[in-house]
Amino acid sequence: MMSPDSFHFTVTVPGDPRLVGVVRDLCAHAAGYARLSSEAAAALAARVSAAAEEATAGRHDVMCPLDFACDAGELRVTVAGQTITQPLGV
């Protein structure tokens, strides 16, 4: 069962820098569902977007896996193996 403080989903997008906006939007939706403040959501989306840009820079032939997990009081987004966390309630 999904709830704002407990959910998990995985998405894989092509490793194309033009799709960083898609990654940013997915992160914004997850942050909104987790009820992060607009400031915390924007900061998380910026960090996740930067990680996606780094993971896809010059590598159009690879896929970029994204893992969104929310539990234990934090939202974690893993982008191509790099995990970015944001505490809930902030």
Protein backbone atom coordinates (compact mmCIF):
# COMPACT_ATOMS: atom_id res chain seq x y z
CA MET A 1 0.00 0.00 0.00
CA MET A 2 1.26 3.47 -0.87
CA SER A 3 1.00 6.48 1.38
CA PRO A 4 2.72 9.88 1.39
CA ASP A 5 5.30 8.65 3.90
CA SER A 6 5.79 5.16 2.47
CA PHE A 7 6.15 4.48 -1.26
CA HIS A 8 8.61 3.10 -3.76
CA PHE A 9 8.84 3.18 -7.54
CA THR A 10 11.49 2.75 -10.19
CA VAL A 11 11.69 4.35 -13.63
CA THR A 12 14.34 4.06 -16.31
CA VAL A 13 14.78 6.84 -18.85
CA PRO A 14 17.11 7.00 -21.83
CA GLY A 15 20.46 8.58 -21.03
CA ASP A 16 19.67 11.72 -22.97
CA PRO A 17 20.43 15.11 -21.41
CA ARG A 18 17.28 16.49 -23.10
CA LEU A 19 15.25 14.30 -20.71
CA VAL A 20 16.60 15.88 -17.51
CA GLY A 21 13.38 17.89 -17.37
CA VAL A 22 11.43 14.63 -17.20
CA VAL A 23 13.60 13.52 -14.27
CA ARG A 24 13.03 16.89 -12.56
CA ASP A 25 9.24 16.56 -13.04
CA LEU A 26 9.18 13.01 -11.65
CA CYS A 27 11.13 14.20 -8.63
CA ALA A 28 8.76 17.14 -8.14
CA HIS A 29 5.75 14.79 -8.21
CA ALA A 30 7.36 12.42 -5.69
CA ALA A 31 8.28 15.36 -3.44
CA GLY A 32 4.75 16.73 -3.65
CA TYR A 33 3.25 13.35 -2.82
CA ALA A 34 5.62 13.08 0.16
CA ARG A 35 4.35 16.51 1.28
CA LEU A 36 7.73 18.24 1.22
CA SER A 37 7.66 22.01 1.47
CA SER A 38 7.98 23.81 -1.85
CA GLU A 39 11.50 24.93 -0.90
CA ALA A 40 12.63 21.42 0.05
CA ALA A 41 11.00 19.96 -3.07
CA ALA A 42 12.74 22.50 -5.32
CA ALA A 43 16.11 21.86 -3.66
CA LEU A 44 15.71 18.09 -4.01
CA ALA A 45 14.64 18.41 -7.66
CA ALA A 46 17.70 20.58 -8.36
CA ARG A 47 20.06 18.04 -6.77
CA VAL A 48 18.41 15.13 -8.60
CA SER A 49 18.50 17.05 -11.90
CA ALA A 50 22.21 17.76 -11.44
CA ALA A 51 22.87 14.06 -10.78
CA ALA A 52 20.88 13.12 -13.91
CA GLU A 53 22.83 15.64 -15.99
CA GLU A 54 26.08 14.21 -14.69
CA ALA A 55 24.98 10.62 -15.32
CA THR A 56 23.93 11.35 -18.91
CA ALA A 57 26.64 13.79 -19.96
CA GLY A 58 27.99 12.60 -23.30
CA ARG A 59 26.43 9.15 -22.84
CA HIS A 60 23.40 8.99 -25.12
CA ASP A 61 23.74 5.22 -25.45
CA VAL A 62 23.07 4.33 -21.79
CA MET A 63 19.90 4.14 -19.73
CA CYS A 64 19.47 6.19 -16.56
CA PRO A 65 17.74 4.22 -13.78
CA LEU A 66 15.83 6.23 -11.17
CA ASP A 67 14.68 4.77 -7.87
CA PHE A 68 12.29 6.75 -5.65
CA ALA A 69 11.80 5.45 -2.10
CA CYS A 70 10.09 7.10 0.82
CA ASP A 71 10.20 5.56 4.28
CA ALA A 72 11.88 5.96 7.65
CA GLY A 73 11.20 9.70 7.56
CA GLU A 74 13.02 10.50 4.33
CA LEU A 75 12.62 10.57 0.57
CA ARG A 76 15.52 8.94 -1.27
CA VAL A 77 16.12 9.28 -4.99
CA THR A 78 18.83 7.17 -6.55
CA VAL A 79 20.04 8.33 -9.97
CA ALA A 80 22.37 5.94 -11.78
CA GLY A 81 23.70 4.67 -8.44
CA GLN A 82 23.97 8.05 -6.67
CA THR A 83 21.50 8.44 -3.77
CA ILE A 84 20.14 11.84 -2.78
CA THR A 85 18.08 12.12 0.42
CA GLN A 86 15.65 14.65 1.82
CA PRO A 87 14.12 14.38 5.30
CA LEU A 88 10.33 14.51 5.40
CA GLY A 89 8.58 17.29 7.24
CA VAL A 90 11.06 19.90 6.06
